[in-house]
Amino acid sequence: MKMNVQVGASTFTATLEDNAAVDALVEMMKNGPVTIQMSDYAGFEKVGDLGASLPTSNSQTTTQAGDIVLYQGNQIVLFYGSNSWSYTRLGRIDNLTGWAEALGDGNVSVTFSLEG
């Protein structure tokens, strides 16, 4: 399954994982796009509160640019660098062209929606 990730004027496509957290996120997106405010953390990720808790299946993960994960059950993290931590994987950006530039410095508004 795919979802769209809109950062400012740029839209990216992500391939979603098959797990309970993704199922819950898809249910949220069926009611309309989900927009969250994300702030920069440590110069390698953007993190934002989803406003709801999703089921977790955390495992120790080394992330790469383009990874989308769930942290503490209620925060979505978008990576433009790498980190190693315990996360629930949600998906991965299909094409990273312009990804780091779109996320930029500082806070961003990100909208997640179902493709099609």
PDB file of N, CA and C in Angstrom:
ATOM      1  N   MET A   1       0.843  -1.180   0.000  1.00  0.00           N
ATOM      2  CA  MET A   1       0.000   0.000   0.000  1.00  0.00           C
ATOM      3  C   MET A   1       0.884   1.238   0.000  1.00  0.00           C
ATOM      4  N   LYS A   2       0.366   2.289  -0.621  1.00  0.00           N
ATOM      5  CA  LYS A   2       1.120   3.538  -0.743  1.00  0.00           C
ATOM      6  C   LYS A   2       0.381   4.677  -0.040  1.00  0.00           C
ATOM      7  N   MET A   3       1.157   5.665   0.383  1.00  0.00           N
ATOM      8  CA  MET A   3       0.559   6.907   0.873  1.00  0.00           C
ATOM      9  C   MET A   3       1.357   8.072   0.317  1.00  0.00           C
ATOM     10  N   ASN A   4       0.708   9.233   0.276  1.00  0.00           N
ATOM     11  CA  ASN A   4       1.380  10.462  -0.119  1.00  0.00           C
ATOM     12  C   ASN A   4       1.848  11.195   1.126  1.00  0.00           C
ATOM     13  N   VAL A   5       3.030  11.792   1.031  1.00  0.00           N
ATOM     14  CA  VAL A   5       3.604  12.589   2.109  1.00  0.00           C
ATOM     15  C   VAL A   5       3.892  13.964   1.512  1.00  0.00           C
ATOM     16  N   GLN A   6       3.101  14.956   1.909  1.00  0.00           N
ATOM     17  CA  GLN A   6       3.276  16.308   1.380  1.00  0.00           C
ATOM     18  C   GLN A   6       4.014  17.158   2.391  1.00  0.00           C
ATOM     19  N   VAL A   7       5.145  17.707   1.939  1.00  0.00           N
ATOM     20  CA  VAL A   7       5.957  18.597   2.757  1.00  0.00           C
ATOM     21  C   VAL A   7       6.030  19.917   2.008  1.00  0.00           C
ATOM     22  N   GLY A   8       5.311  20.927   2.505  1.00  0.00           N
ATOM     23  CA  GLY A   8       5.267  22.193   1.776  1.00  0.00           C
ATOM     24  C   GLY A   8       4.656  21.971   0.403  1.00  0.00           C
ATOM     25  N   ALA A   9       5.363  22.406  -0.656  1.00  0.00           N
ATOM     26  CA  ALA A   9       4.864  22.271  -2.022  1.00  0.00           C
ATOM     27  C   ALA A   9       5.273  20.945  -2.654  1.00  0.00           C
ATOM     28  N   SER A  10       6.065  20.149  -1.956  1.00  0.00           N
ATOM     29  CA  SER A  10       6.566  18.887  -2.511  1.00  0.00           C
ATOM     30  C   SER A  10       5.758  17.699  -1.995  1.00  0.00           C
ATOM     31  N   THR A  11       5.422  16.775  -2.909  1.00  0.00           N
ATOM     32  CA  THR A  11       4.706  15.559  -2.529  1.00  0.00           C
ATOM     33  C   THR A  11       5.551  14.350  -2.885  1.00  0.00           C
ATOM     34  N   PHE A  12       5.671  13.442  -1.936  1.00  0.00           N
ATOM     35  CA  PHE A  12       6.442  12.211  -2.098  1.00  0.00           C
ATOM     36  C   PHE A  12       5.505  11.027  -1.902  1.00  0.00           C
ATOM     37  N   THR A  13       5.859   9.895  -2.497  1.00  0.00           N
ATOM     38  CA  THR A  13       5.108   8.663  -2.315  1.00  0.00           C
ATOM     39  C   THR A  13       5.907   7.752  -1.398  1.00  0.00           C
ATOM     40  N   ALA A  14       5.195   7.094  -0.485  1.00  0.00           N
ATOM     41  CA  ALA A  14       5.841   6.164   0.439  1.00  0.00           C
ATOM     42  C   ALA A  14       5.168   4.804   0.328  1.00  0.00           C
ATOM     43  N   THR A  15       5.973   3.755   0.409  1.00  0.00           N
ATOM     44  CA  THR A  15       5.458   2.394   0.481  1.00  0.00           C
ATOM     45  C   THR A  15       5.307   2.037   1.947  1.00  0.00           C
ATOM     46  N   LEU A  16       4.109   1.584   2.334  1.00  0.00           N
ATOM     47  CA  LEU A  16       3.818   1.306   3.739  1.00  0.00           C
ATOM     48  C   LEU A  16       4.171  -0.129   4.115  1.00  0.00           C
ATOM     49  N   GLU A  17       4.505  -0.318   5.379  1.00  0.00           N
ATOM     50  CA  GLU A  17       4.754  -1.638   5.946  1.00  0.00           C
ATOM     51  C   GLU A  17       3.414  -2.347   6.167  1.00  0.00           C
ATOM     52  N   ASP A  18       3.481  -3.603   6.516  1.00  0.00           N
ATOM     53  CA  ASP A  18       2.285  -4.371   6.829  1.00  0.00           C
ATOM     54  C   ASP A  18       2.320  -4.691   8.321  1.00  0.00           C
ATOM     55  N   ASN A  19       1.701  -3.822   9.137  1.00  0.00           N
ATOM     56  CA  ASN A  19       1.639  -4.048  10.578  1.00  0.00           C
ATOM     57  C   ASN A  19       0.431  -3.313  11.170  1.00  0.00           C
ATOM     58  N   ALA A  20       0.167  -3.543  12.447  1.00  0.00           N
ATOM     59  CA  ALA A  20      -1.018  -2.968  13.101  1.00  0.00           C
ATOM     60  C   ALA A  20      -0.967  -1.447  13.155  1.00  0.00           C
ATOM     61  N   ALA A  21       0.226  -0.865  13.320  1.00  0.00           N
ATOM     62  CA  ALA A  21       0.348   0.596  13.363  1.00  0.00           C
ATOM     63  C   ALA A  21      -0.057   1.202  12.023  1.00  0.00           C
ATOM     64  N   VAL A  22       0.394   0.603  10.931  1.00  0.00           N
ATOM     65  CA  VAL A  22       0.026   1.095   9.599  1.00  0.00           C
ATOM     66  C   VAL A  22      -1.470   0.932   9.374  1.00  0.00           C
ATOM     67  N   ASP A  23      -2.027  -0.198   9.796  1.00  0.00           N
ATOM     68  CA  ASP A  23      -3.479  -0.399   9.661  1.00  0.00           C
ATOM     69  C   ASP A  23      -4.236   0.724  10.362  1.00  0.00           C
ATOM     70  N   ALA A  24      -3.812   1.100  11.562  1.00  0.00           N
ATOM     71  CA  ALA A  24      -4.472   2.168  12.319  1.00  0.00           C
ATOM     72  C   ALA A  24      -4.285   3.528  11.640  1.00  0.00           C
ATOM     73  N   LEU A  25      -3.088   3.775  11.102  1.00  0.00           N
ATOM     74  CA  LEU A  25      -2.835   5.031  10.399  1.00  0.00           C
ATOM     75  C   LEU A  25      -3.692   5.119   9.133  1.00  0.00           C
ATOM     76  N   VAL A  26      -3.806   4.027   8.403  1.00  0.00           N
ATOM     77  CA  VAL A  26      -4.639   3.999   7.201  1.00  0.00           C
ATOM     78  C   VAL A  26      -6.095   4.304   7.562  1.00  0.00           C
ATOM     79  N   GLU A  27      -6.580   3.743   8.656  1.00  0.00           N
ATOM     80  CA  GLU A  27      -7.949   4.034   9.101  1.00  0.00           C
ATOM     81  C   GLU A  27      -8.122   5.533   9.373  1.00  0.00           C
ATOM     82  N   MET A  28      -7.107   6.161   9.988  1.00  0.00           N
ATOM     83  CA  MET A  28      -7.168   7.610  10.232  1.00  0.00           C
ATOM     84  C   MET A  28      -7.235   8.365   8.905  1.00  0.00           C
ATOM     85  N   MET A  29      -6.421   7.957   7.940  1.00  0.00           N
ATOM     86  CA  MET A  29      -6.355   8.663   6.655  1.00  0.00           C
ATOM     87  C   MET A  29      -7.617   8.448   5.824  1.00  0.00           C
ATOM     88  N   LYS A  30      -8.368   7.368   6.074  1.00  0.00           N
ATOM     89  CA  LYS A  30      -9.627   7.144   5.356  1.00  0.00           C
ATOM     90  C   LYS A  30     -10.637   8.235   5.680  1.00  0.00           C
ATOM     91  N   ASN A  31     -10.478   8.889   6.832  1.00  0.00           N
ATOM     92  CA  ASN A  31     -11.351   9.999   7.231  1.00  0.00           C
ATOM     93  C   ASN A  31     -10.875  11.329   6.680  1.00  0.00           C
ATOM     94  N   GLY A  32      -9.774  11.322   5.949  1.00  0.00           N
ATOM     95  CA  GLY A  32      -9.215  12.532   5.367  1.00  0.00           C
ATOM     96  C   GLY A  32      -7.736  12.625   5.672  1.00  0.00           C
ATOM     97  N   PRO A  33      -7.038  13.530   4.980  1.00  0.00           N
ATOM     98  CA  PRO A  33      -5.606  13.677   5.198  1.00  0.00           C
ATOM     99  C   PRO A  33      -5.279  14.002   6.660  1.00  0.00           C
ATOM    100  N   VAL A  34      -4.135  13.526   7.106  1.00  0.00           N
ATOM    101  CA  VAL A  34      -3.659  13.763   8.472  1.00  0.00           C
ATOM    102  C   VAL A  34      -2.478  14.724   8.387  1.00  0.00           C
ATOM    103  N   THR A  35      -2.638  15.911   8.982  1.00  0.00           N
ATOM    104  CA  THR A  35      -1.581  16.922   8.951  1.00  0.00           C
ATOM    105  C   THR A  35      -1.007  17.093  10.346  1.00  0.00           C
ATOM    106  N   ILE A  36       0.318  17.043  10.448  1.00  0.00           N
ATOM    107  CA  ILE A  36       0.966  17.265  11.735  1.00  0.00           C
ATOM    108  C   ILE A  36       2.113  18.256  11.577  1.00  0.00           C
ATOM    109  N   GLN A  37       2.345  18.987  12.646  1.00  0.00           N
ATOM    110  CA  GLN A  37       3.469  19.918  12.698  1.00  0.00           C
ATOM    111  C   GLN A  37       4.687  19.144  13.187  1.00  0.00           C
ATOM    112  N   MET A  38       5.783  19.272  12.471  1.00  0.00           N
ATOM    113  CA  MET A  38       6.979  18.514  12.812  1.00  0.00           C
ATOM    114  C   MET A  38       8.142  19.459  13.066  1.00  0.00           C
ATOM    115  N   SER A  39       8.933  19.120  14.064  1.00  0.00           N
ATOM    116  CA  SER A  39      10.104  19.929  14.385  1.00  0.00           C
ATOM    117  C   SER A  39      11.362  19.102  14.190  1.00  0.00           C
ATOM    118  N   ASP A  40      12.455  19.816  13.963  1.00  0.00           N
ATOM    119  CA  ASP A  40      13.731  19.158  13.734  1.00  0.00           C
ATOM    120  C   ASP A  40      14.287  18.629  15.043  1.00  0.00           C
ATOM    121  N   TYR A  41      14.889  17.451  14.974  1.00  0.00           N
ATOM    122  CA  TYR A  41      15.535  16.872  16.139  1.00  0.00           C
ATOM    123  C   TYR A  41      16.909  16.363  15.735  1.00  0.00           C
ATOM    124  N   ALA A  42      17.941  16.905  16.346  1.00  0.00           N
ATOM    125  CA  ALA A  42      19.318  16.430  16.246  1.00  0.00           C
ATOM    126  C   ALA A  42      19.916  16.479  14.843  1.00  0.00           C
ATOM    127  N   GLY A  43      19.292  17.180  13.922  1.00  0.00           N
ATOM    128  CA  GLY A  43      19.873  17.336  12.600  1.00  0.00           C
ATOM    129  C   GLY A  43      19.786  16.122  11.699  1.00  0.00           C
ATOM    130  N   PHE A  44      18.904  15.148  12.032  1.00  0.00           N
ATOM    131  CA  PHE A  44      18.753  13.988  11.149  1.00  0.00           C
ATOM    132  C   PHE A  44      17.314  13.514  11.017  1.00  0.00           C
ATOM    133  N   GLU A  45      16.365  14.161  11.729  1.00  0.00           N
ATOM    134  CA  GLU A  45      14.973  13.727  11.650  1.00  0.00           C
ATOM    135  C   GLU A  45      14.027  14.869  11.964  1.00  0.00           C
ATOM    136  N   LYS A  46      12.775  14.696  11.489  1.00  0.00           N
ATOM    137  CA  LYS A  46      11.663  15.565  11.876  1.00  0.00           C
ATOM    138  C   LYS A  46      10.715  14.700  12.684  1.00  0.00           C
ATOM    139  N   VAL A  47      10.202  15.252  13.775  1.00  0.00           N
ATOM    140  CA  VAL A  47       9.301  14.494  14.641  1.00  0.00           C
ATOM    141  C   VAL A  47       8.065  15.340  14.947  1.00  0.00           C
ATOM    142  N   GLY A  48       6.898  14.674  14.960  1.00  0.00           N
ATOM    143  CA  GLY A  48       5.660  15.381  15.249  1.00  0.00           C
ATOM    144  C   GLY A  48       4.655  14.475  15.928  1.00  0.00           C
ATOM    145  N   ASP A  49       3.844  15.066  16.800  1.00  0.00           N
ATOM    146  CA  ASP A  49       2.827  14.344  17.559  1.00  0.00           C
ATOM    147  C   ASP A  49       1.620  14.078  16.667  1.00  0.00           C
ATOM    148  N   LEU A  50       1.246  12.825  16.567  1.00  0.00           N
ATOM    149  CA  LEU A  50       0.119  12.413  15.734  1.00  0.00           C
ATOM    150  C   LEU A  50      -1.220  12.784  16.359  1.00  0.00           C
ATOM    151  N   GLY A  51      -1.242  12.990  17.661  1.00  0.00           N
ATOM    152  CA  GLY A  51      -2.487  13.325  18.338  1.00  0.00           C
ATOM    153  C   GLY A  51      -3.313  12.102  18.703  1.00  0.00           C
ATOM    154  N   ALA A  52      -2.779  10.924  18.435  1.00  0.00           N
ATOM    155  CA  ALA A  52      -3.431   9.659  18.781  1.00  0.00           C
ATOM    156  C   ALA A  52      -2.340   8.607  18.918  1.00  0.00           C
ATOM    157  N   SER A  53      -2.629   7.573  19.678  1.00  0.00           N
ATOM    158  CA  SER A  53      -1.667   6.487  19.824  1.00  0.00           C
ATOM    159  C   SER A  53      -2.004   5.351  18.870  1.00  0.00           C
ATOM    160  N   LEU A  54      -0.973   4.805  18.253  1.00  0.00           N
ATOM    161  CA  LEU A  54      -1.116   3.661  17.359  1.00  0.00           C
ATOM    162  C   LEU A  54      -0.485   2.447  18.022  1.00  0.00           C
ATOM    163  N   PRO A  55      -0.896   1.239  17.627  1.00  0.00           N
ATOM    164  CA  PRO A  55      -0.268   0.031  18.189  1.00  0.00           C
ATOM    165  C   PRO A  55       1.217  -0.008  17.817  1.00  0.00           C
ATOM    166  N   THR A  56       2.047  -0.457  18.726  1.00  0.00           N
ATOM    167  CA  THR A  56       3.482  -0.506  18.449  1.00  0.00           C
ATOM    168  C   THR A  56       3.965  -1.944  18.330  1.00  0.00           C
ATOM    169  N   SER A  57       5.007  -2.098  17.549  1.00  0.00           N
ATOM    170  CA  SER A  57       5.751  -3.357  17.449  1.00  0.00           C
ATOM    171  C   SER A  57       7.219  -2.975  17.334  1.00  0.00           C
ATOM    172  N   ASN A  58       7.698  -2.291  18.360  1.00  0.00           N
ATOM    173  CA  ASN A  58       9.042  -1.725  18.337  1.00  0.00           C
ATOM    174  C   ASN A  58      10.115  -2.796  18.213  1.00  0.00           C
ATOM    175  N   SER A  59      11.154  -2.439  17.465  1.00  0.00           N
ATOM    176  CA  SER A  59      12.354  -3.264  17.414  1.00  0.00           C
ATOM    177  C   SER A  59      13.533  -2.339  17.179  1.00  0.00           C
ATOM    178  N   GLN A  60      14.700  -2.773  17.628  1.00  0.00           N
ATOM    179  CA  GLN A  60      15.911  -1.976  17.430  1.00  0.00           C
ATOM    180  C   GLN A  60      16.151  -1.837  15.934  1.00  0.00           C
ATOM    181  N   THR A  61      16.260  -0.605  15.483  1.00  0.00           N
ATOM    182  CA  THR A  61      16.320  -0.311  14.058  1.00  0.00           C
ATOM    183  C   THR A  61      17.388   0.722  13.790  1.00  0.00           C
ATOM    184  N   THR A  62      18.147   0.529  12.720  1.00  0.00           N
ATOM    185  CA  THR A  62      19.022   1.586  12.229  1.00  0.00           C
ATOM    186  C   THR A  62      18.336   2.171  11.008  1.00  0.00           C
ATOM    187  N   THR A  63      17.931   3.417  11.131  1.00  0.00           N
ATOM    188  CA  THR A  63      17.162   4.067  10.080  1.00  0.00           C
ATOM    189  C   THR A  63      18.080   4.677   9.026  1.00  0.00           C
ATOM    190  N   GLN A  64      17.495   4.933   7.881  1.00  0.00           N
ATOM    191  CA  GLN A  64      18.166   5.609   6.770  1.00  0.00           C
ATOM    192  C   GLN A  64      17.279   6.762   6.316  1.00  0.00           C
ATOM    193  N   ALA A  65      17.841   7.654   5.528  1.00  0.00           N
ATOM    194  CA  ALA A  65      17.045   8.745   4.962  1.00  0.00           C
ATOM    195  C   ALA A  65      15.848   8.151   4.221  1.00  0.00           C
ATOM    196  N   GLY A  66      14.675   8.727   4.464  1.00  0.00           N
ATOM    197  CA  GLY A  66      13.452   8.264   3.813  1.00  0.00           C
ATOM    198  C   GLY A  66      12.603   7.342   4.661  1.00  0.00           C
ATOM    199  N   ASP A  67      13.158   6.845   5.759  1.00  0.00           N
ATOM    200  CA  ASP A  67      12.369   5.972   6.630  1.00  0.00           C
ATOM    201  C   ASP A  67      11.319   6.777   7.392  1.00  0.00           C
ATOM    202  N   ILE A  68      10.144   6.179   7.566  1.00  0.00           N
ATOM    203  CA  ILE A  68       9.043   6.761   8.338  1.00  0.00           C
ATOM    204  C   ILE A  68       8.747   5.773   9.450  1.00  0.00           C
ATOM    205  N   VAL A  69       8.866   6.239  10.695  1.00  0.00           N
ATOM    206  CA  VAL A  69       8.675   5.332  11.827  1.00  0.00           C
ATOM    207  C   VAL A  69       7.753   5.960  12.868  1.00  0.00           C
ATOM    208  N   LEU A  70       7.295   5.112  13.773  1.00  0.00           N
ATOM    209  CA  LEU A  70       6.476   5.517  14.910  1.00  0.00           C
ATOM    210  C   LEU A  70       7.347   5.448  16.155  1.00  0.00           C
ATOM    211  N   TYR A  71       7.323   6.523  16.954  1.00  0.00           N
ATOM    212  CA  TYR A  71       8.110   6.592  18.176  1.00  0.00           C
ATOM    213  C   TYR A  71       7.156   6.797  19.349  1.00  0.00           C
ATOM    214  N   GLN A  72       7.294   6.005  20.376  1.00  0.00           N
ATOM    215  CA  GLN A  72       6.474   6.081  21.593  1.00  0.00           C
ATOM    216  C   GLN A  72       4.973   5.975  21.316  1.00  0.00           C
ATOM    217  N   GLY A  73       4.623   5.375  20.194  1.00  0.00           N
ATOM    218  CA  GLY A  73       3.222   5.109  19.897  1.00  0.00           C
ATOM    219  C   GLY A  73       2.425   6.267  19.337  1.00  0.00           C
ATOM    220  N   ASN A  74       2.906   7.508  19.533  1.00  0.00           N
ATOM    221  CA  ASN A  74       2.091   8.647  19.094  1.00  0.00           C
ATOM    222  C   ASN A  74       2.864   9.711  18.324  1.00  0.00           C
ATOM    223  N   GLN A  75       4.111   9.433  17.982  1.00  0.00           N
ATOM    224  CA  GLN A  75       4.897  10.422  17.241  1.00  0.00           C
ATOM    225  C   GLN A  75       5.411   9.804  15.945  1.00  0.00           C
ATOM    226  N   ILE A  76       5.209  10.550  14.857  1.00  0.00           N
ATOM    227  CA  ILE A  76       5.728  10.120  13.561  1.00  0.00           C
ATOM    228  C   ILE A  76       7.096  10.782  13.387  1.00  0.00           C
ATOM    229  N   VAL A  77       8.044   9.994  12.896  1.00  0.00           N
ATOM    230  CA  VAL A  77       9.395  10.504  12.658  1.00  0.00           C
ATOM    231  C   VAL A  77       9.741  10.272  11.192  1.00  0.00           C
ATOM    232  N   LEU A  78      10.187  11.340  10.526  1.00  0.00           N
ATOM    233  CA  LEU A  78      10.654  11.286   9.142  1.00  0.00           C
ATOM    234  C   LEU A  78      12.163  11.494   9.164  1.00  0.00           C
ATOM    235  N   PHE A  79      12.897  10.568   8.576  1.00  0.00           N
ATOM    236  CA  PHE A  79      14.355  10.662   8.606  1.00  0.00           C
ATOM    237  C   PHE A  79      14.913  11.236   7.322  1.00  0.00           C
ATOM    238  N   TYR A  80      15.865  12.158   7.471  1.00  0.00           N
ATOM    239  CA  TYR A  80      16.679  12.597   6.340  1.00  0.00           C
ATOM    240  C   TYR A  80      18.136  12.270   6.619  1.00  0.00           C
ATOM    241  N   GLY A  81      18.393  11.651   7.769  1.00  0.00           N
ATOM    242  CA  GLY A  81      19.702  11.125   8.145  1.00  0.00           C
ATOM    243  C   GLY A  81      19.492   9.736   8.716  1.00  0.00           C
ATOM    244  N   SER A  82      20.392   9.325   9.596  1.00  0.00           N
ATOM    245  CA  SER A  82      20.310   7.976  10.149  1.00  0.00           C
ATOM    246  C   SER A  82      20.365   8.019  11.665  1.00  0.00           C
ATOM    247  N   ASN A  83      19.726   7.028  12.290  1.00  0.00           N
ATOM    248  CA  ASN A  83      19.744   6.889  13.733  1.00  0.00           C
ATOM    249  C   ASN A  83      19.485   5.425  14.073  1.00  0.00           C
ATOM    250  N   SER A  84      19.891   5.034  15.254  1.00  0.00           N
ATOM    251  CA  SER A  84      19.612   3.679  15.712  1.00  0.00           C
ATOM    252  C   SER A  84      18.851   3.772  17.025  1.00  0.00           C
ATOM    253  N   TRP A  85      17.639   3.207  17.028  1.00  0.00           N
ATOM    254  CA  TRP A  85      16.762   3.293  18.195  1.00  0.00           C
ATOM    255  C   TRP A  85      15.692   2.232  18.073  1.00  0.00           C
ATOM    256  N   SER A  86      14.786   2.162  19.035  1.00  0.00           N
ATOM    257  CA  SER A  86      13.684   1.208  18.983  1.00  0.00           C
ATOM    258  C   SER A  86      12.442   1.910  18.432  1.00  0.00           C
ATOM    259  N   TYR A  87      12.026   1.500  17.239  1.00  0.00           N
ATOM    260  CA  TYR A  87      10.902   2.115  16.540  1.00  0.00           C
ATOM    261  C   TYR A  87       9.963   1.051  15.996  1.00  0.00           C
ATOM    262  N   THR A  88       8.768   1.496  15.610  1.00  0.00           N
ATOM    263  CA  THR A  88       7.862   0.692  14.799  1.00  0.00           C
ATOM    264  C   THR A  88       7.918   1.266  13.389  1.00  0.00           C
ATOM    265  N   ARG A  89       8.305   0.457  12.432  1.00  0.00           N
ATOM    266  CA  ARG A  89       8.412   0.936  11.047  1.00  0.00           C
ATOM    267  C   ARG A  89       7.020   1.157  10.453  1.00  0.00           C
ATOM    268  N   LEU A  90       6.850   2.310   9.788  1.00  0.00           N
ATOM    269  CA  LEU A  90       5.591   2.614   9.112  1.00  0.00           C
ATOM    270  C   LEU A  90       5.739   2.531   7.598  1.00  0.00           C
ATOM    271  N   GLY A  91       6.876   2.978   7.081  1.00  0.00           N
ATOM    272  CA  GLY A  91       7.060   2.965   5.632  1.00  0.00           C
ATOM    273  C   GLY A  91       8.359   3.613   5.232  1.00  0.00           C
ATOM    274  N   ARG A  92       8.494   3.803   3.910  1.00  0.00           N
ATOM    275  CA  ARG A  92       9.716   4.385   3.367  1.00  0.00           C
ATOM    276  C   ARG A  92       9.371   5.200   2.120  1.00  0.00           C
ATOM    277  N   ILE A  93       9.979   6.364   2.017  1.00  0.00           N
ATOM    278  CA  ILE A  93       9.818   7.213   0.837  1.00  0.00           C
ATOM    279  C   ILE A  93      10.412   6.485  -0.372  1.00  0.00           C
ATOM    280  N   ASP A  94       9.660   6.448  -1.478  1.00  0.00           N
ATOM    281  CA  ASP A  94      10.091   5.704  -2.667  1.00  0.00           C
ATOM    282  C   ASP A  94      11.228   6.385  -3.421  1.00  0.00           C
ATOM    283  N   ASN A  95      11.168   7.698  -3.549  1.00  0.00           N
ATOM    284  CA  ASN A  95      12.182   8.431  -4.306  1.00  0.00           C
ATOM    285  C   ASN A  95      12.649   9.608  -3.460  1.00  0.00           C
ATOM    286  N   LEU A  96      13.918   9.598  -3.068  1.00  0.00           N
ATOM    287  CA  LEU A  96      14.442  10.610  -2.144  1.00  0.00           C
ATOM    288  C   LEU A  96      14.877  11.913  -2.812  1.00  0.00           C
ATOM    289  N   THR A  97      14.688  12.034  -4.126  1.00  0.00           N
ATOM    290  CA  THR A  97      15.078  13.264  -4.811  1.00  0.00           C
ATOM    291  C   THR A  97      14.324  14.451  -4.213  1.00  0.00           C
ATOM    292  N   GLY A  98      15.043  15.397  -3.632  1.00  0.00           N
ATOM    293  CA  GLY A  98      14.446  16.588  -3.037  1.00  0.00           C
ATOM    294  C   GLY A  98      13.935  16.409  -1.619  1.00  0.00           C
ATOM    295  N   TRP A  99      14.057  15.203  -1.050  1.00  0.00           N
ATOM    296  CA  TRP A  99      13.523  14.902   0.287  1.00  0.00           C
ATOM    297  C   TRP A  99      14.152  15.782   1.358  1.00  0.00           C
ATOM    298  N   ALA A 100      15.475  15.770   1.471  1.00  0.00           N
ATOM    299  CA  ALA A 100      16.155  16.554   2.517  1.00  0.00           C
ATOM    300  C   ALA A 100      15.886  18.039   2.330  1.00  0.00           C
ATOM    301  N   GLU A 101      15.854  18.491   1.073  1.00  0.00           N
ATOM    302  CA  GLU A 101      15.602  19.910   0.805  1.00  0.00           C
ATOM    303  C   GLU A 101      14.189  20.296   1.214  1.00  0.00           C
ATOM    304  N   ALA A 102      13.214  19.429   0.951  1.00  0.00           N
ATOM    305  CA  ALA A 102      11.819  19.716   1.311  1.00  0.00           C
ATOM    306  C   ALA A 102      11.670  19.815   2.833  1.00  0.00           C
ATOM    307  N   LEU A 103      12.317  18.902   3.562  1.00  0.00           N
ATOM    308  CA  LEU A 103      12.226  18.937   5.029  1.00  0.00           C
ATOM    309  C   LEU A 103      12.924  20.165   5.586  1.00  0.00           C
ATOM    310  N   GLY A 104      14.047  20.556   4.960  1.00  0.00           N
ATOM    311  CA  GLY A 104      14.741  21.793   5.302  1.00  0.00           C
ATOM    312  C   GLY A 104      15.144  21.904   6.756  1.00  0.00           C
ATOM    313  N   ASP A 105      15.348  23.130   7.192  1.00  0.00           N
ATOM    314  CA  ASP A 105      15.721  23.440   8.575  1.00  0.00           C
ATOM    315  C   ASP A 105      14.479  23.904   9.321  1.00  0.00           C
ATOM    316  N   GLY A 106      14.404  23.574  10.585  1.00  0.00           N
ATOM    317  CA  GLY A 106      13.302  24.070  11.406  1.00  0.00           C
ATOM    318  C   GLY A 106      12.026  23.278  11.248  1.00  0.00           C
ATOM    319  N   ASN A 107      10.917  23.920  11.607  1.00  0.00           N
ATOM    320  CA  ASN A 107       9.615  23.249  11.656  1.00  0.00           C
ATOM    321  C   ASN A 107       8.974  23.162  10.276  1.00  0.00           C
ATOM    322  N   VAL A 108       8.230  22.078  10.056  1.00  0.00           N
ATOM    323  CA  VAL A 108       7.498  21.901   8.803  1.00  0.00           C
ATOM    324  C   VAL A 108       6.120  21.325   9.106  1.00  0.00           C
ATOM    325  N   SER A 109       5.192  21.583   8.210  1.00  0.00           N
ATOM    326  CA  SER A 109       3.862  20.975   8.268  1.00  0.00           C
ATOM    327  C   SER A 109       3.861  19.844   7.246  1.00  0.00           C
ATOM    328  N   VAL A 110       3.465  18.651   7.682  1.00  0.00           N
ATOM    329  CA  VAL A 110       3.479  17.472   6.810  1.00  0.00           C
ATOM    330  C   VAL A 110       2.076  16.866   6.780  1.00  0.00           C
ATOM    331  N   THR A 111       1.593  16.580   5.566  1.00  0.00           N
ATOM    332  CA  THR A 111       0.275  15.976   5.393  1.00  0.00           C
ATOM    333  C   THR A 111       0.437  14.580   4.812  1.00  0.00           C
ATOM    334  N   PHE A 112      -0.178  13.610   5.493  1.00  0.00           N
ATOM    335  CA  PHE A 112      -0.175  12.219   5.065  1.00  0.00           C
ATOM    336  C   PHE A 112      -1.555  11.891   4.517  1.00  0.00           C
ATOM    337  N   SER A 113      -1.604  11.273   3.331  1.00  0.00           N
ATOM    338  CA  SER A 113      -2.884  10.908   2.745  1.00  0.00           C
ATOM    339  C   SER A 113      -2.731   9.613   1.947  1.00  0.00           C
ATOM    340  N   LEU A 114      -3.850   8.929   1.757  1.00  0.00           N
ATOM    341  CA  LEU A 114      -3.845   7.706   0.972  1.00  0.00           C
ATOM    342  C   LEU A 114      -3.662   8.062  -0.497  1.00  0.00           C
ATOM    343  N   GLU A 115      -2.878   7.262  -1.199  1.00  0.00           N
ATOM    344  CA  GLU A 115      -2.652   7.516  -2.621  1.00  0.00           C
ATOM    345  C   GLU A 115      -3.897   7.131  -3.392  1.00  0.00           C
ATOM    346  N   GLY A 116      -4.228   7.957  -4.395  1.00  0.00           N
ATOM    347  CA  GLY A 116      -5.374   7.656  -5.243  1.00  0.00           C
ATOM    348  C   GLY A 116      -6.604   8.178  -4.635  1.00  0.00           C
TER     349      GLY A 116
END
